Amino acid sequence: MAVDLSYLSKGIQEYLYQQCEELEVSLKPSDAKAIHLMNRENEPNEDRILSYLLYLKQPKERQYQSIKLSQNIYQKFFDKESKEEIEKIVENALEMYFDEKAQVL
């Protein structure tokens, strides 16, 4: 990360550090690389840096949630199905489960 950020001007490095502190944003190596690439295209200014940091601060919506099945359950029910088929089976089973549960209430 330090190498990527070292290509920035001293003023921008100081501004970046100050804004990260104020916004409570921690940069990842991929963020440093993105800022470095920004620097290669045109000199980043304070507005661009601030916009990027504000973007990083936004909450990220999860695309998916992983669950784990024991090997026994997986082999018992899903040994030959594809990932897509397994997802559909689990979705249908959950819909049936929650529909029945709602009818009991």
PDB file of N, CA and C in Angstrom:
ATOM      1  N   MET A   1       0.822  -1.191   0.000  1.00  0.00           N
ATOM      2  CA  MET A   1       0.000   0.000   0.000  1.00  0.00           C
ATOM      3  C   MET A   1       0.865   1.254   0.000  1.00  0.00           C
ATOM      4  N   ALA A   2       1.919   1.212   0.802  1.00  0.00           N
ATOM      5  CA  ALA A   2       2.767   2.396   0.921  1.00  0.00           C
ATOM      6  C   ALA A   2       3.371   2.791  -0.418  1.00  0.00           C
ATOM      7  N   VAL A   3       3.760   1.804  -1.203  1.00  0.00           N
ATOM      8  CA  VAL A   3       4.345   2.111  -2.509  1.00  0.00           C
ATOM      9  C   VAL A   3       3.311   2.788  -3.396  1.00  0.00           C
ATOM     10  N   ASP A   4       2.091   2.250  -3.430  1.00  0.00           N
ATOM     11  CA  ASP A   4       1.048   2.863  -4.263  1.00  0.00           C
ATOM     12  C   ASP A   4       0.773   4.299  -3.841  1.00  0.00           C
ATOM     13  N   LEU A   5       0.710   4.535  -2.544  1.00  0.00           N
ATOM     14  CA  LEU A   5       0.403   5.883  -2.060  1.00  0.00           C
ATOM     15  C   LEU A   5       1.600   6.827  -2.160  1.00  0.00           C
ATOM     16  N   SER A   6       2.801   6.274  -2.260  1.00  0.00           N
ATOM     17  CA  SER A   6       3.995   7.130  -2.333  1.00  0.00           C
ATOM     18  C   SER A   6       4.051   7.929  -3.635  1.00  0.00           C
ATOM     19  N   TYR A   7       3.308   7.505  -4.653  1.00  0.00           N
ATOM     20  CA  TYR A   7       3.296   8.233  -5.922  1.00  0.00           C
ATOM     21  C   TYR A   7       2.460   9.508  -5.848  1.00  0.00           C
ATOM     22  N   LEU A   8       1.659   9.628  -4.806  1.00  0.00           N
ATOM     23  CA  LEU A   8       0.835  10.836  -4.643  1.00  0.00           C
ATOM     24  C   LEU A   8       1.699  11.982  -4.144  1.00  0.00           C
ATOM     25  N   SER A   9       1.282  13.195  -4.443  1.00  0.00           N
ATOM     26  CA  SER A   9       2.010  14.355  -3.921  1.00  0.00           C
ATOM     27  C   SER A   9       1.889  14.372  -2.399  1.00  0.00           C
ATOM     28  N   LYS A  10       2.844  15.012  -1.758  1.00  0.00           N
ATOM     29  CA  LYS A  10       2.862  15.059  -0.297  1.00  0.00           C
ATOM     30  C   LYS A  10       1.572  15.687   0.247  1.00  0.00           C
ATOM     31  N   GLY A  11       1.092  16.734  -0.419  1.00  0.00           N
ATOM     32  CA  GLY A  11      -0.134  17.401   0.029  1.00  0.00           C
ATOM     33  C   GLY A  11      -1.343  16.473  -0.036  1.00  0.00           C
ATOM     34  N   ILE A  12      -1.441  15.703  -1.112  1.00  0.00           N
ATOM     35  CA  ILE A  12      -2.561  14.768  -1.260  1.00  0.00           C
ATOM     36  C   ILE A  12      -2.431  13.635  -0.252  1.00  0.00           C
ATOM     37  N   GLN A  13      -1.202  13.169  -0.009  1.00  0.00           N
ATOM     38  CA  GLN A  13      -0.996  12.126   1.006  1.00  0.00           C
ATOM     39  C   GLN A  13      -1.468  12.606   2.373  1.00  0.00           C
ATOM     40  N   GLU A  14      -1.123  13.832   2.725  1.00  0.00           N
ATOM     41  CA  GLU A  14      -1.540  14.389   4.015  1.00  0.00           C
ATOM     42  C   GLU A  14      -3.059  14.547   4.075  1.00  0.00           C
ATOM     43  N   TYR A  15      -3.650  15.036   2.983  1.00  0.00           N
ATOM     44  CA  TYR A  15      -5.103  15.201   2.935  1.00  0.00           C
ATOM     45  C   TYR A  15      -5.794  13.841   3.058  1.00  0.00           C
ATOM     46  N   LEU A  16      -5.280  12.843   2.355  1.00  0.00           N
ATOM     47  CA  LEU A  16      -5.837  11.493   2.414  1.00  0.00           C
ATOM     48  C   LEU A  16      -5.792  10.955   3.835  1.00  0.00           C
ATOM     49  N   TYR A  17      -4.658  11.111   4.491  1.00  0.00           N
ATOM     50  CA  TYR A  17      -4.514  10.647   5.874  1.00  0.00           C
ATOM     51  C   TYR A  17      -5.512  11.362   6.783  1.00  0.00           C
ATOM     52  N   GLN A  18      -5.591  12.681   6.646  1.00  0.00           N
ATOM     53  CA  GLN A  18      -6.505  13.482   7.482  1.00  0.00           C
ATOM     54  C   GLN A  18      -7.961  13.041   7.283  1.00  0.00           C
ATOM     55  N   GLN A  19      -8.368  12.869   6.034  1.00  0.00           N
ATOM     56  CA  GLN A  19      -9.748  12.482   5.748  1.00  0.00           C
ATOM     57  C   GLN A  19     -10.049  11.059   6.232  1.00  0.00           C
ATOM     58  N   CYS A  20      -9.096  10.159   6.086  1.00  0.00           N
ATOM     59  CA  CYS A  20      -9.294   8.792   6.589  1.00  0.00           C
ATOM     60  C   CYS A  20      -9.511   8.819   8.105  1.00  0.00           C
ATOM     61  N   GLU A  21      -8.746   9.645   8.798  1.00  0.00           N
ATOM     62  CA  GLU A  21      -8.905   9.781  10.245  1.00  0.00           C
ATOM     63  C   GLU A  21     -10.281  10.353  10.589  1.00  0.00           C
ATOM     64  N   GLU A  22     -10.662  11.451   9.935  1.00  0.00           N
ATOM     65  CA  GLU A  22     -11.932  12.115  10.230  1.00  0.00           C
ATOM     66  C   GLU A  22     -13.133  11.236   9.902  1.00  0.00           C
ATOM     67  N   LEU A  23     -13.082  10.546   8.762  1.00  0.00           N
ATOM     68  CA  LEU A  23     -14.204   9.719   8.321  1.00  0.00           C
ATOM     69  C   LEU A  23     -14.165   8.315   8.915  1.00  0.00           C
ATOM     70  N   GLU A  24     -13.071   8.007   9.628  1.00  0.00           N
ATOM     71  CA  GLU A  24     -12.873   6.679  10.209  1.00  0.00           C
ATOM     72  C   GLU A  24     -12.941   5.602   9.132  1.00  0.00           C
ATOM     73  N   VAL A  25     -12.167   5.829   8.075  1.00  0.00           N
ATOM     74  CA  VAL A  25     -12.081   4.898   6.949  1.00  0.00           C
ATOM     75  C   VAL A  25     -10.696   4.269   6.964  1.00  0.00           C
ATOM     76  N   SER A  26     -10.648   2.969   6.855  1.00  0.00           N
ATOM     77  CA  SER A  26      -9.374   2.259   6.723  1.00  0.00           C
ATOM     78  C   SER A  26      -9.233   1.807   5.282  1.00  0.00           C
ATOM     79  N   LEU A  27      -8.116   2.145   4.691  1.00  0.00           N
ATOM     80  CA  LEU A  27      -7.873   1.753   3.309  1.00  0.00           C
ATOM     81  C   LEU A  27      -7.393   0.311   3.245  1.00  0.00           C
ATOM     82  N   LYS A  28      -7.820  -0.367   2.209  1.00  0.00           N
ATOM     83  CA  LYS A  28      -7.341  -1.718   1.915  1.00  0.00           C
ATOM     84  C   LYS A  28      -6.314  -1.591   0.796  1.00  0.00           C
ATOM     85  N   PRO A  29      -5.525  -2.634   0.572  1.00  0.00           N
ATOM     86  CA  PRO A  29      -4.569  -2.573  -0.537  1.00  0.00           C
ATOM     87  C   PRO A  29      -5.222  -2.253  -1.881  1.00  0.00           C
ATOM     88  N   SER A  30      -6.421  -2.769  -2.114  1.00  0.00           N
ATOM     89  CA  SER A  30      -7.111  -2.483  -3.377  1.00  0.00           C
ATOM     90  C   SER A  30      -7.493  -1.001  -3.479  1.00  0.00           C
ATOM     91  N   ASP A  31      -7.778  -0.360  -2.348  1.00  0.00           N
ATOM     92  CA  ASP A  31      -8.094   1.073  -2.353  1.00  0.00           C
ATOM     93  C   ASP A  31      -6.858   1.898  -2.693  1.00  0.00           C
ATOM     94  N   ALA A  32      -5.716   1.519  -2.114  1.00  0.00           N
ATOM     95  CA  ALA A  32      -4.474   2.225  -2.412  1.00  0.00           C
ATOM     96  C   ALA A  32      -4.141   2.089  -3.898  1.00  0.00           C
ATOM     97  N   LYS A  33      -4.368   0.901  -4.446  1.00  0.00           N
ATOM     98  CA  LYS A  33      -4.117   0.668  -5.873  1.00  0.00           C
ATOM     99  C   LYS A  33      -5.042   1.543  -6.719  1.00  0.00           C
ATOM    100  N   ALA A  34      -6.309   1.638  -6.334  1.00  0.00           N
ATOM    101  CA  ALA A  34      -7.261   2.472  -7.079  1.00  0.00           C
ATOM    102  C   ALA A  34      -6.856   3.944  -7.041  1.00  0.00           C
ATOM    103  N   ILE A  35      -6.415   4.414  -5.884  1.00  0.00           N
ATOM    104  CA  ILE A  35      -5.976   5.812  -5.769  1.00  0.00           C
ATOM    105  C   ILE A  35      -4.716   6.032  -6.599  1.00  0.00           C
ATOM    106  N   HIS A  36      -3.837   5.047  -6.589  1.00  0.00           N
ATOM    107  CA  HIS A  36      -2.616   5.132  -7.422  1.00  0.00           C
ATOM    108  C   HIS A  36      -2.994   5.222  -8.900  1.00  0.00           C
ATOM    109  N   LEU A  37      -3.952   4.403  -9.337  1.00  0.00           N
ATOM    110  CA  LEU A  37      -4.382   4.451 -10.740  1.00  0.00           C
ATOM    111  C   LEU A  37      -5.039   5.788 -11.068  1.00  0.00           C
ATOM    112  N   MET A  38      -5.777   6.335 -10.099  1.00  0.00           N
ATOM    113  CA  MET A  38      -6.370   7.663 -10.272  1.00  0.00           C
ATOM    114  C   MET A  38      -5.257   8.679 -10.527  1.00  0.00           C
ATOM    115  N   ASN A  39      -4.171   8.519  -9.777  1.00  0.00           N
ATOM    116  CA  ASN A  39      -3.037   9.423  -9.893  1.00  0.00           C
ATOM    117  C   ASN A  39      -2.373   9.301 -11.258  1.00  0.00           C
ATOM    118  N   ARG A  40      -2.329   8.091 -11.814  1.00  0.00           N
ATOM    119  CA  ARG A  40      -1.697   7.889 -13.118  1.00  0.00           C
ATOM    120  C   ARG A  40      -2.510   8.524 -14.236  1.00  0.00           C
ATOM    121  N   GLU A  41      -3.851   8.510 -14.085  1.00  0.00           N
ATOM    122  CA  GLU A  41      -4.708   9.084 -15.126  1.00  0.00           C
ATOM    123  C   GLU A  41      -4.661  10.609 -15.107  1.00  0.00           C
ATOM    124  N   ASN A  42      -4.865  11.197 -13.977  1.00  0.00           N
ATOM    125  CA  ASN A  42      -4.706  12.637 -13.781  1.00  0.00           C
ATOM    126  C   ASN A  42      -4.499  12.876 -12.289  1.00  0.00           C
ATOM    127  N   GLU A  43      -3.869  13.951 -11.996  1.00  0.00           N
ATOM    128  CA  GLU A  43      -3.533  14.263 -10.607  1.00  0.00           C
ATOM    129  C   GLU A  43      -4.809  14.303  -9.756  1.00  0.00           C
ATOM    130  N   PRO A  44      -4.908  13.425  -8.744  1.00  0.00           N
ATOM    131  CA  PRO A  44      -6.110  13.468  -7.905  1.00  0.00           C
ATOM    132  C   PRO A  44      -6.133  14.760  -7.088  1.00  0.00           C
ATOM    133  N   ASN A  45      -7.318  15.311  -6.963  1.00  0.00           N
ATOM    134  CA  ASN A  45      -7.446  16.498  -6.130  1.00  0.00           C
ATOM    135  C   ASN A  45      -8.246  16.135  -4.883  1.00  0.00           C
ATOM    136  N   GLU A  46      -8.397  17.076  -4.003  1.00  0.00           N
ATOM    137  CA  GLU A  46      -9.071  16.811  -2.730  1.00  0.00           C
ATOM    138  C   GLU A  46     -10.515  16.361  -2.936  1.00  0.00           C
ATOM    139  N   ASP A  47     -11.190  16.944  -3.922  1.00  0.00           N
ATOM    140  CA  ASP A  47     -12.587  16.556  -4.174  1.00  0.00           C
ATOM    141  C   ASP A  47     -12.684  15.094  -4.606  1.00  0.00           C
ATOM    142  N   ARG A  48     -11.787  14.660  -5.486  1.00  0.00           N
ATOM    143  CA  ARG A  48     -11.802  13.262  -5.928  1.00  0.00           C
ATOM    144  C   ARG A  48     -11.489  12.315  -4.779  1.00  0.00           C
ATOM    145  N   ILE A  49     -10.506  12.674  -3.980  1.00  0.00           N
ATOM    146  CA  ILE A  49     -10.136  11.843  -2.829  1.00  0.00           C
ATOM    147  C   ILE A  49     -11.315  11.742  -1.870  1.00  0.00           C
ATOM    148  N   LEU A  50     -11.940  12.869  -1.560  1.00  0.00           N
ATOM    149  CA  LEU A  50     -13.074  12.872  -0.637  1.00  0.00           C
ATOM    150  C   LEU A  50     -14.230  12.051  -1.198  1.00  0.00           C
ATOM    151  N   SER A  51     -14.518  12.188  -2.480  1.00  0.00           N
ATOM    152  CA  SER A  51     -15.597  11.406  -3.096  1.00  0.00           C
ATOM    153  C   SER A  51     -15.317   9.917  -2.975  1.00  0.00           C
ATOM    154  N   TYR A  52     -14.076   9.528  -3.231  1.00  0.00           N
ATOM    155  CA  TYR A  52     -13.711   8.115  -3.137  1.00  0.00           C
ATOM    156  C   TYR A  52     -13.853   7.609  -1.705  1.00  0.00           C
ATOM    157  N   LEU A  53     -13.398   8.384  -0.740  1.00  0.00           N
ATOM    158  CA  LEU A  53     -13.500   7.959   0.663  1.00  0.00           C
ATOM    159  C   LEU A  53     -14.957   7.873   1.117  1.00  0.00           C
ATOM    160  N   LEU A  54     -15.777   8.798   0.673  1.00  0.00           N
ATOM    161  CA  LEU A  54     -17.201   8.745   1.018  1.00  0.00           C
ATOM    162  C   LEU A  54     -17.857   7.512   0.401  1.00  0.00           C
ATOM    163  N   TYR A  55     -17.428   7.162  -0.800  1.00  0.00           N
ATOM    164  CA  TYR A  55     -17.924   5.946  -1.434  1.00  0.00           C
ATOM    165  C   TYR A  55     -17.536   4.723  -0.587  1.00  0.00           C
ATOM    166  N   LEU A  56     -16.300   4.680  -0.104  1.00  0.00           N
ATOM    167  CA  LEU A  56     -15.858   3.564   0.734  1.00  0.00           C
ATOM    168  C   LEU A  56     -16.638   3.485   2.036  1.00  0.00           C
ATOM    169  N   LYS A  57     -17.059   4.625   2.533  1.00  0.00           N
ATOM    170  CA  LYS A  57     -17.776   4.684   3.821  1.00  0.00           C
ATOM    171  C   LYS A  57     -19.208   4.163   3.709  1.00  0.00           C
ATOM    172  N   GLN A  58     -19.774   4.169   2.507  1.00  0.00           N
ATOM    173  CA  GLN A  58     -21.150   3.706   2.330  1.00  0.00           C
ATOM    174  C   GLN A  58     -21.268   2.239   2.728  1.00  0.00           C
ATOM    175  N   PRO A  59     -22.360   1.889   3.410  1.00  0.00           N
ATOM    176  CA  PRO A  59     -22.534   0.474   3.740  1.00  0.00           C
ATOM    177  C   PRO A  59     -22.711  -0.362   2.474  1.00  0.00           C
ATOM    178  N   LYS A  60     -22.072  -1.491   2.462  1.00  0.00           N
ATOM    179  CA  LYS A  60     -22.164  -2.383   1.300  1.00  0.00           C
ATOM    180  C   LYS A  60     -23.248  -3.418   1.531  1.00  0.00           C
ATOM    181  N   GLU A  61     -24.072  -3.601   0.524  1.00  0.00           N
ATOM    182  CA  GLU A  61     -25.126  -4.601   0.602  1.00  0.00           C
ATOM    183  C   GLU A  61     -24.541  -5.964   0.269  1.00  0.00           C
ATOM    184  N   ARG A  62     -24.840  -6.924   1.090  1.00  0.00           N
ATOM    185  CA  ARG A  62     -24.339  -8.269   0.845  1.00  0.00           C
ATOM    186  C   ARG A  62     -25.043  -8.877  -0.355  1.00  0.00           C
ATOM    187  N   GLN A  63     -24.272  -9.500  -1.200  1.00  0.00           N
ATOM    188  CA  GLN A  63     -24.828 -10.150  -2.375  1.00  0.00           C
ATOM    189  C   GLN A  63     -25.370 -11.530  -2.037  1.00  0.00           C
ATOM    190  N   TYR A  64     -24.775 -12.166  -1.045  1.00  0.00           N
ATOM    191  CA  TYR A  64     -25.209 -13.503  -0.673  1.00  0.00           C
ATOM    192  C   TYR A  64     -24.766 -13.797   0.747  1.00  0.00           C
ATOM    193  N   GLN A  65     -25.349 -14.817   1.320  1.00  0.00           N
ATOM    194  CA  GLN A  65     -24.975 -15.283   2.647  1.00  0.00           C
ATOM    195  C   GLN A  65     -24.660 -16.768   2.537  1.00  0.00           C
ATOM    196  N   SER A  66     -23.530 -17.164   3.021  1.00  0.00           N
ATOM    197  CA  SER A  66     -23.135 -18.568   2.961  1.00  0.00           C
ATOM    198  C   SER A  66     -23.671 -19.326   4.155  1.00  0.00           C
ATOM    199  N   ILE A  67     -24.029 -20.561   3.917  1.00  0.00           N
ATOM    200  CA  ILE A  67     -24.388 -21.471   5.004  1.00  0.00           C
ATOM    201  C   ILE A  67     -23.613 -22.758   4.788  1.00  0.00           C
ATOM    202  N   LYS A  68     -23.425 -23.503   5.844  1.00  0.00           N
ATOM    203  CA  LYS A  68     -22.687 -24.759   5.734  1.00  0.00           C
ATOM    204  C   LYS A  68     -23.603 -25.910   6.116  1.00  0.00           C
ATOM    205  N   LEU A  69     -23.469 -26.984   5.367  1.00  0.00           N
ATOM    206  CA  LEU A  69     -24.179 -28.228   5.663  1.00  0.00           C
ATOM    207  C   LEU A  69     -23.142 -29.274   6.040  1.00  0.00           C
ATOM    208  N   SER A  70     -23.523 -30.142   6.946  1.00  0.00           N
ATOM    209  CA  SER A  70     -22.604 -31.235   7.256  1.00  0.00           C
ATOM    210  C   SER A  70     -22.469 -32.120   6.031  1.00  0.00           C
ATOM    211  N   GLN A  71     -21.389 -32.843   5.955  1.00  0.00           N
ATOM    212  CA  GLN A  71     -21.153 -33.746   4.828  1.00  0.00           C
ATOM    213  C   GLN A  71     -22.258 -34.797   4.745  1.00  0.00           C
ATOM    214  N   ASN A  72     -22.735 -35.264   5.903  1.00  0.00           N
ATOM    215  CA  ASN A  72     -23.802 -36.269   5.922  1.00  0.00           C
ATOM    216  C   ASN A  72     -25.082 -35.754   5.277  1.00  0.00           C
ATOM    217  N   ILE A  73     -25.489 -34.547   5.644  1.00  0.00           N
ATOM    218  CA  ILE A  73     -26.715 -33.969   5.084  1.00  0.00           C
ATOM    219  C   ILE A  73     -26.534 -33.709   3.591  1.00  0.00           C
ATOM    220  N   TYR A  74     -25.380 -33.181   3.222  1.00  0.00           N
ATOM    221  CA  TYR A  74     -25.127 -32.903   1.813  1.00  0.00           C
ATOM    222  C   TYR A  74     -25.211 -34.181   0.978  1.00  0.00           C
ATOM    223  N   GLN A  75     -24.569 -35.230   1.438  1.00  0.00           N
ATOM    224  CA  GLN A  75     -24.583 -36.490   0.688  1.00  0.00           C
ATOM    225  C   GLN A  75     -25.968 -37.122   0.684  1.00  0.00           C
ATOM    226  N   LYS A  76     -26.692 -36.973   1.779  1.00  0.00           N
ATOM    227  CA  LYS A  76     -28.021 -37.574   1.883  1.00  0.00           C
ATOM    228  C   LYS A  76     -29.009 -36.935   0.910  1.00  0.00           C
ATOM    229  N   PHE A  77     -28.944 -35.601   0.750  1.00  0.00           N
ATOM    230  CA  PHE A  77     -29.952 -34.901  -0.042  1.00  0.00           C
ATOM    231  C   PHE A  77     -29.451 -34.326  -1.367  1.00  0.00           C
ATOM    232  N   PHE A  78     -28.177 -33.988  -1.473  1.00  0.00           N
ATOM    233  CA  PHE A  78     -27.713 -33.209  -2.617  1.00  0.00           C
ATOM    234  C   PHE A  78     -26.503 -33.796  -3.333  1.00  0.00           C
ATOM    235  N   ASP A  79     -26.281 -35.038  -3.242  1.00  0.00           N
ATOM    236  CA  ASP A  79     -25.044 -35.615  -3.764  1.00  0.00           C
ATOM    237  C   ASP A  79     -24.850 -35.414  -5.263  1.00  0.00           C
ATOM    238  N   LYS A  80     -25.924 -35.386  -6.033  1.00  0.00           N
ATOM    239  CA  LYS A  80     -25.772 -35.317  -7.495  1.00  0.00           C
ATOM    240  C   LYS A  80     -26.293 -34.012  -8.108  1.00  0.00           C
ATOM    241  N   GLU A  81     -26.796 -33.096  -7.314  1.00  0.00           N
ATOM    242  CA  GLU A  81     -27.359 -31.852  -7.836  1.00  0.00           C
ATOM    243  C   GLU A  81     -26.278 -30.783  -8.012  1.00  0.00           C
ATOM    244  N   SER A  82     -26.543 -29.860  -8.943  1.00  0.00           N
ATOM    245  CA  SER A  82     -25.646 -28.714  -9.146  1.00  0.00           C
ATOM    246  C   SER A  82     -25.934 -27.667  -8.066  1.00  0.00           C
ATOM    247  N   LYS A  83     -25.056 -26.701  -7.969  1.00  0.00           N
ATOM    248  CA  LYS A  83     -25.230 -25.618  -6.992  1.00  0.00           C
ATOM    249  C   LYS A  83     -26.563 -24.898  -7.212  1.00  0.00           C
ATOM    250  N   GLU A  84     -26.891 -24.634  -8.471  1.00  0.00           N
ATOM    251  CA  GLU A  84     -28.143 -23.932  -8.787  1.00  0.00           C
ATOM    252  C   GLU A  84     -29.357 -24.761  -8.378  1.00  0.00           C
ATOM    253  N   GLU A  85     -29.291 -26.063  -8.625  1.00  0.00           N
ATOM    254  CA  GLU A  85     -30.400 -26.941  -8.236  1.00  0.00           C
ATOM    255  C   GLU A  85     -30.542 -26.988  -6.715  1.00  0.00           C
ATOM    256  N   ILE A  86     -29.434 -27.040  -6.031  1.00  0.00           N
ATOM    257  CA  ILE A  86     -29.468 -27.065  -4.558  1.00  0.00           C
ATOM    258  C   ILE A  86     -30.085 -25.783  -4.024  1.00  0.00           C
ATOM    259  N   GLU A  87     -29.689 -24.631  -4.580  1.00  0.00           N
ATOM    260  CA  GLU A  87     -30.264 -23.359  -4.130  1.00  0.00           C
ATOM    261  C   GLU A  87     -31.775 -23.338  -4.327  1.00  0.00           C
ATOM    262  N   LYS A  88     -32.248 -23.842  -5.464  1.00  0.00           N
ATOM    263  CA  LYS A  88     -33.685 -23.859  -5.748  1.00  0.00           C
ATOM    264  C   LYS A  88     -34.419 -24.791  -4.789  1.00  0.00           C
ATOM    265  N   ILE A  89     -33.846 -25.957  -4.524  1.00  0.00           N
ATOM    266  CA  ILE A  89     -34.461 -26.905  -3.590  1.00  0.00           C
ATOM    267  C   ILE A  89     -34.569 -26.289  -2.198  1.00  0.00           C
ATOM    268  N   VAL A  90     -33.484 -25.674  -1.753  1.00  0.00           N
ATOM    269  CA  VAL A  90     -33.481 -25.054  -0.416  1.00  0.00           C
ATOM    270  C   VAL A  90     -34.487 -23.911  -0.370  1.00  0.00           C
ATOM    271  N   GLU A  91     -34.543 -23.094  -1.417  1.00  0.00           N
ATOM    272  CA  GLU A  91     -35.512 -21.999  -1.466  1.00  0.00           C
ATOM    273  C   GLU A  91     -36.942 -22.526  -1.386  1.00  0.00           C
ATOM    274  N   ASN A  92     -37.256 -23.546  -2.177  1.00  0.00           N
ATOM    275  CA  ASN A  92     -38.608 -24.121  -2.151  1.00  0.00           C
ATOM    276  C   ASN A  92     -38.932 -24.727  -0.784  1.00  0.00           C
ATOM    277  N   ALA A  93     -37.980 -25.424  -0.199  1.00  0.00           N
ATOM    278  CA  ALA A  93     -38.197 -26.029   1.111  1.00  0.00           C
ATOM    279  C   ALA A  93     -38.445 -24.962   2.173  1.00  0.00           C
ATOM    280  N   LEU A  94     -37.703 -23.880   2.111  1.00  0.00           N
ATOM    281  CA  LEU A  94     -37.893 -22.796   3.084  1.00  0.00           C
ATOM    282  C   LEU A  94     -39.244 -22.110   2.891  1.00  0.00           C
ATOM    283  N   GLU A  95     -39.650 -21.918   1.644  1.00  0.00           N
ATOM    284  CA  GLU A  95     -40.966 -21.322   1.397  1.00  0.00           C
ATOM    285  C   GLU A  95     -42.067 -22.197   1.961  1.00  0.00           C
ATOM    286  N   MET A  96     -41.969 -23.490   1.735  1.00  0.00           N
ATOM    287  CA  MET A  96     -42.970 -24.417   2.277  1.00  0.00           C
ATOM    288  C   MET A  96     -42.956 -24.389   3.807  1.00  0.00           C
ATOM    289  N   TYR A  97     -41.790 -24.386   4.394  1.00  0.00           N
ATOM    290  CA  TYR A  97     -41.653 -24.378   5.851  1.00  0.00           C
ATOM    291  C   TYR A  97     -42.301 -23.126   6.448  1.00  0.00           C
ATOM    292  N   PHE A  98     -41.972 -21.969   5.897  1.00  0.00           N
ATOM    293  CA  PHE A  98     -42.501 -20.732   6.464  1.00  0.00           C
ATOM    294  C   PHE A  98     -43.975 -20.534   6.146  1.00  0.00           C
ATOM    295  N   ASP A  99     -44.470 -21.058   5.024  1.00  0.00           N
ATOM    296  CA  ASP A  99     -45.901 -21.017   4.733  1.00  0.00           C
ATOM    297  C   ASP A  99     -46.673 -21.836   5.763  1.00  0.00           C
ATOM    298  N   GLU A 100     -46.190 -23.031   6.052  1.00  0.00           N
ATOM    299  CA  GLU A 100     -46.839 -23.895   7.053  1.00  0.00           C
ATOM    300  C   GLU A 100     -46.786 -23.253   8.431  1.00  0.00           C
ATOM    301  N   LYS A 101     -45.653 -22.648   8.760  1.00  0.00           N
ATOM    302  CA  LYS A 101     -45.484 -22.010  10.075  1.00  0.00           C
ATOM    303  C   LYS A 101     -46.449 -20.832  10.222  1.00  0.00           C
ATOM    304  N   ALA A 102     -46.652 -20.070   9.135  1.00  0.00           N
ATOM    305  CA  ALA A 102     -47.556 -18.926   9.170  1.00  0.00           C
ATOM    306  C   ALA A 102     -49.007 -19.391   9.330  1.00  0.00           C
ATOM    307  N   GLN A 103     -49.362 -20.527   8.747  1.00  0.00           N
ATOM    308  CA  GLN A 103     -50.732 -21.047   8.859  1.00  0.00           C
ATOM    309  C   GLN A 103     -51.028 -21.510  10.276  1.00  0.00           C
ATOM    310  N   VAL A 104     -50.032 -21.993  10.988  1.00  0.00           N
ATOM    311  CA  VAL A 104     -50.222 -22.450  12.360  1.00  0.00           C
ATOM    312  C   VAL A 104     -50.473 -21.259  13.286  1.00  0.00           C
ATOM    313  N   LEU A 105     -49.835 -20.146  12.997  1.00  0.00           N
ATOM    314  CA  LEU A 105     -49.983 -18.956  13.830  1.00  0.00           C
ATOM    315  C   LEU A 105     -51.298 -18.324  13.499  1.00  0.00           C
TER     316      LEU A 105
END
